[in-house]
Amino acid sequence: MIDDIYKKWEASNLNDDDFKYDFMDLPSFIEKLYDEMKIDIIKDLQPYKAYFGILKINNFINSILIKRPDLISMLSDWFEKEKNVIDKIAGKIGVLYFSVSIGIPGGISISMTFQPHL
């Protein structure tokens, strides 16, 4: 179901009924998206592509949090648990400084500073 919601989000076709889903599998879905990015990094993903990939995941999460702020604690726990994985991705793409902040309103904010090798 979350795959369908993600596809609808990519096509800008989400409606209010889509947010009635329980989203309990959202952390595992996000983990899958990050895992796909790690595979791409092994294949020499360019820093700007990784950056925009992370922004895309972040925007998807925030589009859900706008309608379902009750999910913020579940996602906060997931980000805390997975911070090392995200740090590794950031390191592989040349990030000098990386931070994740989570708050209401606003959702998740990801900040990166890096010197890309273009």
Protein backbone atom coordinates (compact mmCIF):
# COMPACT_ATOMS: atom_id res chain seq x y z
CA MET A 1 0.00 0.00 0.00
CA ILE A 2 2.78 2.47 0.85
CA ASP A 3 4.29 1.80 -2.59
CA ASP A 4 1.02 2.93 -4.14
CA ILE A 5 0.95 6.06 -2.00
CA TYR A 6 4.54 6.84 -3.03
CA LYS A 7 3.67 6.45 -6.72
CA LYS A 8 0.61 8.67 -6.29
CA TRP A 9 2.76 11.25 -4.50
CA GLU A 10 5.31 11.21 -7.35
CA ALA A 11 2.45 11.85 -9.79
CA SER A 12 0.94 14.57 -7.54
CA ASN A 13 -2.26 12.55 -7.21
CA LEU A 14 -2.62 12.11 -3.44
CA ASN A 15 -6.01 12.82 -1.92
CA ASP A 16 -7.26 12.98 1.66
CA ASP A 17 -8.35 9.33 1.65
CA ASP A 18 -4.74 8.26 1.10
CA PHE A 19 -3.81 9.64 4.52
CA LYS A 20 -6.25 7.31 6.31
CA TYR A 21 -3.73 4.49 5.80
CA ASP A 22 -2.06 3.41 9.07
CA PHE A 23 1.52 4.01 7.77
CA MET A 24 3.03 1.51 10.22
CA ASP A 25 5.29 0.26 7.43
CA LEU A 26 6.53 3.77 6.57
CA PRO A 27 9.89 3.36 8.39
CA SER A 28 10.63 0.12 6.51
CA PHE A 29 9.62 1.77 3.22
CA ILE A 30 11.96 4.71 3.91
CA GLU A 31 14.70 2.24 4.76
CA LYS A 32 14.12 0.53 1.39
CA LEU A 33 14.47 3.89 -0.40
CA TYR A 34 17.74 4.58 1.45
CA ASP A 35 18.97 1.05 0.68
CA GLU A 36 18.36 1.68 -3.02
CA MET A 37 20.39 4.87 -2.69
CA LYS A 38 23.24 2.96 -1.00
CA ILE A 39 23.32 0.56 -3.96
CA ASP A 40 23.52 3.55 -6.31
CA ILE A 41 26.37 5.01 -4.23
CA ILE A 42 28.34 1.81 -4.68
CA LYS A 43 27.90 2.40 -8.41
CA ASP A 44 29.49 5.88 -8.07
CA LEU A 45 26.37 7.99 -7.61
CA GLN A 46 27.19 11.66 -8.15
CA PRO A 47 26.83 13.87 -5.05
CA TYR A 48 24.13 16.08 -6.52
CA LYS A 49 22.02 13.04 -7.46
CA ALA A 50 22.34 11.66 -3.93
CA TYR A 51 21.46 15.07 -2.50
CA PHE A 52 18.32 15.30 -4.62
CA GLY A 53 17.46 11.68 -3.77
CA ILE A 54 17.60 12.50 -0.07
CA LEU A 55 15.50 15.63 -0.65
CA LYS A 56 12.92 13.57 -2.54
CA ILE A 57 12.60 11.10 0.34
CA ASN A 58 12.38 14.01 2.78
CA ASN A 59 9.66 15.74 0.76
CA PHE A 60 7.64 12.52 0.60
CA ILE A 61 7.86 12.11 4.38
CA ASN A 62 6.89 15.73 4.99
CA SER A 63 3.90 15.48 2.67
CA ILE A 64 2.62 12.72 4.94
CA LEU A 65 3.48 14.56 8.17
CA ILE A 66 1.48 17.60 7.08
CA LYS A 67 -1.66 15.46 7.16
CA ARG A 68 -0.53 12.97 9.83
CA PRO A 69 1.56 14.76 12.49
CA ASP A 70 0.82 11.82 14.80
CA LEU A 71 3.53 9.90 12.93
CA ILE A 72 6.37 12.24 13.92
CA SER A 73 7.48 10.23 16.97
CA MET A 74 7.60 6.99 14.95
CA LEU A 75 9.75 8.68 12.30
CA SER A 76 11.91 10.40 14.88
CA ASP A 77 12.68 7.01 16.46
CA TRP A 78 13.50 5.58 13.02
CA PHE A 79 15.86 8.45 12.11
CA GLU A 80 17.64 8.13 15.44
CA LYS A 81 18.12 4.40 14.88
CA GLU A 82 19.27 4.85 11.27
CA LYS A 83 21.45 7.94 11.74
CA ASN A 84 24.66 5.94 11.23
CA VAL A 85 23.40 4.63 7.87
CA ILE A 86 22.48 8.14 6.73
CA ASP A 87 25.88 9.40 7.95
CA LYS A 88 27.59 6.75 5.79
CA ILE A 89 25.61 7.83 2.73
CA ALA A 90 26.50 11.45 3.47
CA GLY A 91 30.18 10.57 3.85
CA LYS A 92 30.27 8.68 0.56
CA ILE A 93 28.92 11.67 -1.35
CA GLY A 94 31.39 14.11 0.21
CA VAL A 95 29.21 15.78 2.85
CA LEU A 96 31.25 17.97 5.20
CA TYR A 97 28.38 18.65 7.63
CA PHE A 98 25.03 16.90 7.97
CA SER A 99 22.10 17.40 10.32
CA VAL A 100 18.54 16.16 10.65
CA SER A 101 15.99 18.06 12.71
CA ILE A 102 12.43 17.02 13.38
CA GLY A 103 9.72 19.33 14.62
CA ILE A 104 6.09 20.30 14.49
CA PRO A 105 5.07 22.13 12.41
CA GLY A 106 7.46 21.62 9.58
CA GLY A 107 8.30 17.95 9.79
CA ILE A 108 11.79 16.76 8.96
CA SER A 109 14.53 19.10 7.84
CA ILE A 110 17.75 17.77 6.35
CA SER A 111 20.74 20.06 5.96
CA MET A 112 23.93 19.15 4.13
CA THR A 113 27.09 21.04 3.35
CA PHE A 114 29.49 19.44 0.94
CA GLN A 115 32.19 20.16 -1.56
CA PRO A 116 31.22 18.16 -4.64
CA HIS A 117 33.84 16.95 -7.08
CA LEU A 118 32.25 18.01 -10.34
